[in-house]
Amino acid sequence: MVSPLLWKKIARGLSAGRVQSVAVRLVVEREREIKAFVPEEYWEVDASTTRRAVTPCRCR
């Protein structure tokens, strides 16, 4: 139903439909999220410490 409307109003041979339109929207939204991504520095530090006569400590 949508494709014939496209053929009349825009160009012959284009196709669209309920499922196709939703799928394209999801792809476009995801692409916009990817383009808007700003990387941030992230650090993760692991350390193991020991002292004489004290139980070892593992910190994260």
PDB file of N, CA and C in Angstrom:
ATOM      1  N   MET A   1       0.812  -1.189   0.000  1.00  0.00           N
ATOM      2  CA  MET A   1       0.000   0.000   0.000  1.00  0.00           C
ATOM      3  C   MET A   1       0.863   1.263   0.000  1.00  0.00           C
ATOM      4  N   VAL A   2       1.979   1.237   0.727  1.00  0.00           N
ATOM      5  CA  VAL A   2       2.842   2.405   0.780  1.00  0.00           C
ATOM      6  C   VAL A   2       3.637   2.543  -0.518  1.00  0.00           C
ATOM      7  N   SER A   3       4.108   1.426  -1.074  1.00  0.00           N
ATOM      8  CA  SER A   3       4.917   1.481  -2.289  1.00  0.00           C
ATOM      9  C   SER A   3       4.193   2.153  -3.456  1.00  0.00           C
ATOM     10  N   PRO A   4       2.937   1.809  -3.750  1.00  0.00           N
ATOM     11  CA  PRO A   4       2.249   2.498  -4.844  1.00  0.00           C
ATOM     12  C   PRO A   4       2.159   4.008  -4.633  1.00  0.00           C
ATOM     13  N   LEU A   5       2.005   4.424  -3.386  1.00  0.00           N
ATOM     14  CA  LEU A   5       1.970   5.854  -3.091  1.00  0.00           C
ATOM     15  C   LEU A   5       3.328   6.497  -3.418  1.00  0.00           C
ATOM     16  N   LEU A   6       4.405   5.814  -3.054  1.00  0.00           N
ATOM     17  CA  LEU A   6       5.742   6.305  -3.408  1.00  0.00           C
ATOM     18  C   LEU A   6       5.904   6.416  -4.913  1.00  0.00           C
ATOM     19  N   TRP A   7       5.416   5.411  -5.638  1.00  0.00           N
ATOM     20  CA  TRP A   7       5.555   5.419  -7.088  1.00  0.00           C
ATOM     21  C   TRP A   7       4.840   6.620  -7.688  1.00  0.00           C
ATOM     22  N   LYS A   8       3.675   6.956  -7.146  1.00  0.00           N
ATOM     23  CA  LYS A   8       2.902   8.082  -7.682  1.00  0.00           C
ATOM     24  C   LYS A   8       3.533   9.420  -7.302  1.00  0.00           C
ATOM     25  N   LYS A   9       3.992   9.551  -6.063  1.00  0.00           N
ATOM     26  CA  LYS A   9       4.440  10.841  -5.551  1.00  0.00           C
ATOM     27  C   LYS A   9       5.938  11.115  -5.750  1.00  0.00           C
ATOM     28  N   ILE A  10       6.771  10.069  -5.733  1.00  0.00           N
ATOM     29  CA  ILE A  10       8.214  10.311  -5.751  1.00  0.00           C
ATOM     30  C   ILE A  10       8.875   9.695  -6.984  1.00  0.00           C
ATOM     31  N   ALA A  11       9.029   8.379  -7.001  1.00  0.00           N
ATOM     32  CA  ALA A  11       9.693   7.735  -8.136  1.00  0.00           C
ATOM     33  C   ALA A  11       9.271   6.278  -8.239  1.00  0.00           C
ATOM     34  N   ARG A  12       9.140   5.830  -9.451  1.00  0.00           N
ATOM     35  CA  ARG A  12       8.765   4.441  -9.694  1.00  0.00           C
ATOM     36  C   ARG A  12       9.906   3.523  -9.259  1.00  0.00           C
ATOM     37  N   GLY A  13       9.582   2.382  -8.722  1.00  0.00           N
ATOM     38  CA  GLY A  13      10.585   1.395  -8.342  1.00  0.00           C
ATOM     39  C   GLY A  13      11.011   1.457  -6.881  1.00  0.00           C
ATOM     40  N   LEU A  14      10.641   2.516  -6.171  1.00  0.00           N
ATOM     41  CA  LEU A  14      10.955   2.579  -4.746  1.00  0.00           C
ATOM     42  C   LEU A  14      10.024   1.636  -3.993  1.00  0.00           C
ATOM     43  N   SER A  15      10.473   1.122  -2.884  1.00  0.00           N
ATOM     44  CA  SER A  15       9.598   0.258  -2.102  1.00  0.00           C
ATOM     45  C   SER A  15       9.622   0.674  -0.638  1.00  0.00           C
ATOM     46  N   ALA A  16       8.516   0.453   0.024  1.00  0.00           N
ATOM     47  CA  ALA A  16       8.390   0.749   1.448  1.00  0.00           C
ATOM     48  C   ALA A  16       7.236  -0.071   1.991  1.00  0.00           C
ATOM     49  N   GLY A  17       7.239  -0.256   3.270  1.00  0.00           N
ATOM     50  CA  GLY A  17       6.168  -0.998   3.922  1.00  0.00           C
ATOM     51  C   GLY A  17       6.290  -0.843   5.417  1.00  0.00           C
ATOM     52  N   ARG A  18       5.338  -1.420   6.142  1.00  0.00           N
ATOM     53  CA  ARG A  18       5.343  -1.257   7.597  1.00  0.00           C
ATOM     54  C   ARG A  18       6.613  -1.790   8.224  1.00  0.00           C
ATOM     55  N   VAL A  19       7.010  -2.997   7.856  1.00  0.00           N
ATOM     56  CA  VAL A  19       8.204  -3.608   8.463  1.00  0.00           C
ATOM     57  C   VAL A  19       9.473  -2.941   7.947  1.00  0.00           C
ATOM     58  N   GLN A  20       9.524  -2.690   6.664  1.00  0.00           N
ATOM     59  CA  GLN A  20      10.708  -2.074   6.071  1.00  0.00           C
ATOM     60  C   GLN A  20      10.949  -0.687   6.659  1.00  0.00           C
ATOM     61  N   SER A  21       9.904   0.090   6.825  1.00  0.00           N
ATOM     62  CA  SER A  21      10.034   1.443   7.372  1.00  0.00           C
ATOM     63  C   SER A  21      10.582   1.415   8.800  1.00  0.00           C
ATOM     64  N   VAL A  22      10.097   0.487   9.616  1.00  0.00           N
ATOM     65  CA  VAL A  22      10.566   0.368  11.000  1.00  0.00           C
ATOM     66  C   VAL A  22      12.028  -0.061  11.019  1.00  0.00           C
ATOM     67  N   ALA A  23      12.376  -1.019  10.187  1.00  0.00           N
ATOM     68  CA  ALA A  23      13.758  -1.502  10.147  1.00  0.00           C
ATOM     69  C   ALA A  23      14.719  -0.383   9.740  1.00  0.00           C
ATOM     70  N   VAL A  24      14.340   0.392   8.741  1.00  0.00           N
ATOM     71  CA  VAL A  24      15.185   1.502   8.302  1.00  0.00           C
ATOM     72  C   VAL A  24      15.310   2.528   9.418  1.00  0.00           C
ATOM     73  N   ARG A  25      14.221   2.810  10.116  1.00  0.00           N
ATOM     74  CA  ARG A  25      14.275   3.771  11.221  1.00  0.00           C
ATOM     75  C   ARG A  25      15.248   3.301  12.298  1.00  0.00           C
ATOM     76  N   LEU A  26      15.209   2.009  12.645  1.00  0.00           N
ATOM     77  CA  LEU A  26      16.126   1.473  13.664  1.00  0.00           C
ATOM     78  C   LEU A  26      17.576   1.611  13.225  1.00  0.00           C
ATOM     79  N   VAL A  27      17.847   1.332  11.964  1.00  0.00           N
ATOM     80  CA  VAL A  27      19.210   1.456  11.446  1.00  0.00           C
ATOM     81  C   VAL A  27      19.663   2.912  11.494  1.00  0.00           C
ATOM     82  N   VAL A  28      18.802   3.826  11.090  1.00  0.00           N
ATOM     83  CA  VAL A  28      19.149   5.253  11.102  1.00  0.00           C
ATOM     84  C   VAL A  28      19.380   5.742  12.528  1.00  0.00           C
ATOM     85  N   GLU A  29      18.529   5.350  13.472  1.00  0.00           N
ATOM     86  CA  GLU A  29      18.710   5.759  14.869  1.00  0.00           C
ATOM     87  C   GLU A  29      20.033   5.252  15.418  1.00  0.00           C
ATOM     88  N   ARG A  30      20.355   3.995  15.115  1.00  0.00           N
ATOM     89  CA  ARG A  30      21.617   3.422  15.603  1.00  0.00           C
ATOM     90  C   ARG A  30      22.810   4.148  14.991  1.00  0.00           C
ATOM     91  N   GLU A  31      22.725   4.462  13.714  1.00  0.00           N
ATOM     92  CA  GLU A  31      23.799   5.183  13.046  1.00  0.00           C
ATOM     93  C   GLU A  31      23.997   6.561  13.674  1.00  0.00           C
ATOM     94  N   ARG A  32      22.923   7.221  14.023  1.00  0.00           N
ATOM     95  CA  ARG A  32      23.024   8.536  14.682  1.00  0.00           C
ATOM     96  C   ARG A  32      23.675   8.413  16.057  1.00  0.00           C
ATOM     97  N   GLU A  33      23.323   7.350  16.800  1.00  0.00           N
ATOM     98  CA  GLU A  33      23.956   7.120  18.109  1.00  0.00           C
ATOM     99  C   GLU A  33      25.459   6.916  17.951  1.00  0.00           C
ATOM    100  N   ILE A  34      25.838   6.144  16.954  1.00  0.00           N
ATOM    101  CA  ILE A  34      27.256   5.865  16.722  1.00  0.00           C
ATOM    102  C   ILE A  34      27.994   7.151  16.373  1.00  0.00           C
ATOM    103  N   LYS A  35      27.412   7.969  15.503  1.00  0.00           N
ATOM    104  CA  LYS A  35      28.057   9.225  15.110  1.00  0.00           C
ATOM    105  C   LYS A  35      28.144  10.212  16.266  1.00  0.00           C
ATOM    106  N   ALA A  36      27.190  10.162  17.194  1.00  0.00           N
ATOM    107  CA  ALA A  36      27.170  11.092  18.323  1.00  0.00           C
ATOM    108  C   ALA A  36      28.069  10.630  19.473  1.00  0.00           C
ATOM    109  N   PHE A  37      28.606   9.425  19.380  1.00  0.00           N
ATOM    110  CA  PHE A  37      29.424   8.867  20.457  1.00  0.00           C
ATOM    111  C   PHE A  37      30.689   9.681  20.657  1.00  0.00           C
ATOM    112  N   VAL A  38      30.953  10.028  21.902  1.00  0.00           N
ATOM    113  CA  VAL A  38      32.189  10.728  22.263  1.00  0.00           C
ATOM    114  C   VAL A  38      32.951   9.819  23.227  1.00  0.00           C
ATOM    115  N   PRO A  39      34.102   9.295  22.801  1.00  0.00           N
ATOM    116  CA  PRO A  39      34.840   8.384  23.674  1.00  0.00           C
ATOM    117  C   PRO A  39      35.350   9.103  24.923  1.00  0.00           C
ATOM    118  N   GLU A  40      35.331   8.392  26.027  1.00  0.00           N
ATOM    119  CA  GLU A  40      35.844   8.918  27.283  1.00  0.00           C
ATOM    120  C   GLU A  40      36.932   7.990  27.787  1.00  0.00           C
ATOM    121  N   GLU A  41      37.938   8.582  28.406  1.00  0.00           N
ATOM    122  CA  GLU A  41      39.015   7.795  28.964  1.00  0.00           C
ATOM    123  C   GLU A  41      38.495   6.981  30.150  1.00  0.00           C
ATOM    124  N   TYR A  42      38.911   5.738  30.234  1.00  0.00           N
ATOM    125  CA  TYR A  42      38.454   4.848  31.293  1.00  0.00           C
ATOM    126  C   TYR A  42      39.639   4.032  31.780  1.00  0.00           C
ATOM    127  N   TRP A  43      39.802   4.002  33.065  1.00  0.00           N
ATOM    128  CA  TRP A  43      40.916   3.265  33.650  1.00  0.00           C
ATOM    129  C   TRP A  43      40.398   2.243  34.640  1.00  0.00           C
ATOM    130  N   GLU A  44      41.027   1.091  34.646  1.00  0.00           N
ATOM    131  CA  GLU A  44      40.740   0.069  35.649  1.00  0.00           C
ATOM    132  C   GLU A  44      42.088  -0.382  36.207  1.00  0.00           C
ATOM    133  N   VAL A  45      42.237  -0.292  37.517  1.00  0.00           N
ATOM    134  CA  VAL A  45      43.511  -0.613  38.147  1.00  0.00           C
ATOM    135  C   VAL A  45      43.306  -1.750  39.140  1.00  0.00           C
ATOM    136  N   ASP A  46      44.131  -2.762  39.019  1.00  0.00           N
ATOM    137  CA  ASP A  46      44.148  -3.870  39.974  1.00  0.00           C
ATOM    138  C   ASP A  46      45.470  -3.819  40.730  1.00  0.00           C
ATOM    139  N   ALA A  47      45.433  -4.054  42.027  1.00  0.00           N
ATOM    140  CA  ALA A  47      46.665  -4.051  42.819  1.00  0.00           C
ATOM    141  C   ALA A  47      46.588  -5.135  43.887  1.00  0.00           C
ATOM    142  N   SER A  48      47.685  -5.798  44.071  1.00  0.00           N
ATOM    143  CA  SER A  48      47.819  -6.767  45.154  1.00  0.00           C
ATOM    144  C   SER A  48      48.911  -6.253  46.085  1.00  0.00           C
ATOM    145  N   THR A  49      48.592  -6.181  47.363  1.00  0.00           N
ATOM    146  CA  THR A  49      49.583  -5.678  48.322  1.00  0.00           C
ATOM    147  C   THR A  49      49.763  -6.668  49.457  1.00  0.00           C
ATOM    148  N   THR A  50      50.933  -6.668  50.032  1.00  0.00           N
ATOM    149  CA  THR A  50      51.189  -7.495  51.213  1.00  0.00           C
ATOM    150  C   THR A  50      52.143  -6.746  52.146  1.00  0.00           C
ATOM    151  N   ARG A  51      51.975  -7.008  53.408  1.00  0.00           N
ATOM    152  CA  ARG A  51      52.912  -6.530  54.426  1.00  0.00           C
ATOM    153  C   ARG A  51      53.250  -7.731  55.296  1.00  0.00           C
ATOM    154  N   ARG A  52      54.371  -7.671  55.914  1.00  0.00           N
ATOM    155  CA  ARG A  52      54.754  -8.789  56.790  1.00  0.00           C
ATOM    156  C   ARG A  52      53.744  -8.987  57.896  1.00  0.00           C
ATOM    157  N   ALA A  53      53.396 -10.205  58.145  1.00  0.00           N
ATOM    158  CA  ALA A  53      52.495 -10.595  59.234  1.00  0.00           C
ATOM    159  C   ALA A  53      51.075 -10.029  59.067  1.00  0.00           C
ATOM    160  N   VAL A  54      50.716  -9.636  57.869  1.00  0.00           N
ATOM    161  CA  VAL A  54      49.362  -9.141  57.606  1.00  0.00           C
ATOM    162  C   VAL A  54      48.801  -9.925  56.416  1.00  0.00           C
ATOM    163  N   THR A  55      47.531 -10.180  56.453  1.00  0.00           N
ATOM    164  CA  THR A  55      46.878 -10.909  55.363  1.00  0.00           C
ATOM    165  C   THR A  55      46.969 -10.095  54.066  1.00  0.00           C
ATOM    166  N   PRO A  56      47.296 -10.765  52.949  1.00  0.00           N
ATOM    167  CA  PRO A  56      47.370 -10.049  51.673  1.00  0.00           C
ATOM    168  C   PRO A  56      46.023  -9.373  51.337  1.00  0.00           C
ATOM    169  N   CYS A  57      46.112  -8.268  50.668  1.00  0.00           N
ATOM    170  CA  CYS A  57      44.921  -7.498  50.286  1.00  0.00           C
ATOM    171  C   CYS A  57      44.888  -7.359  48.771  1.00  0.00           C
ATOM    172  N   ARG A  58      43.758  -7.655  48.183  1.00  0.00           N
ATOM    173  CA  ARG A  58      43.595  -7.451  46.726  1.00  0.00           C
ATOM    174  C   ARG A  58      42.596  -6.321  46.526  1.00  0.00           C
ATOM    175  N   CYS A  59      43.012  -5.296  45.859  1.00  0.00           N
ATOM    176  CA  CYS A  59      42.175  -4.111  45.656  1.00  0.00           C
ATOM    177  C   CYS A  59      41.803  -3.988  44.185  1.00  0.00           C
ATOM    178  N   ARG A  60      40.635  -3.478  43.988  1.00  0.00           N
ATOM    179  CA  ARG A  60      40.203  -3.265  42.617  1.00  0.00           C
ATOM    180  C   ARG A  60      39.456  -1.970  42.525  1.00  0.00           C
TER     181      ARG A  60
END
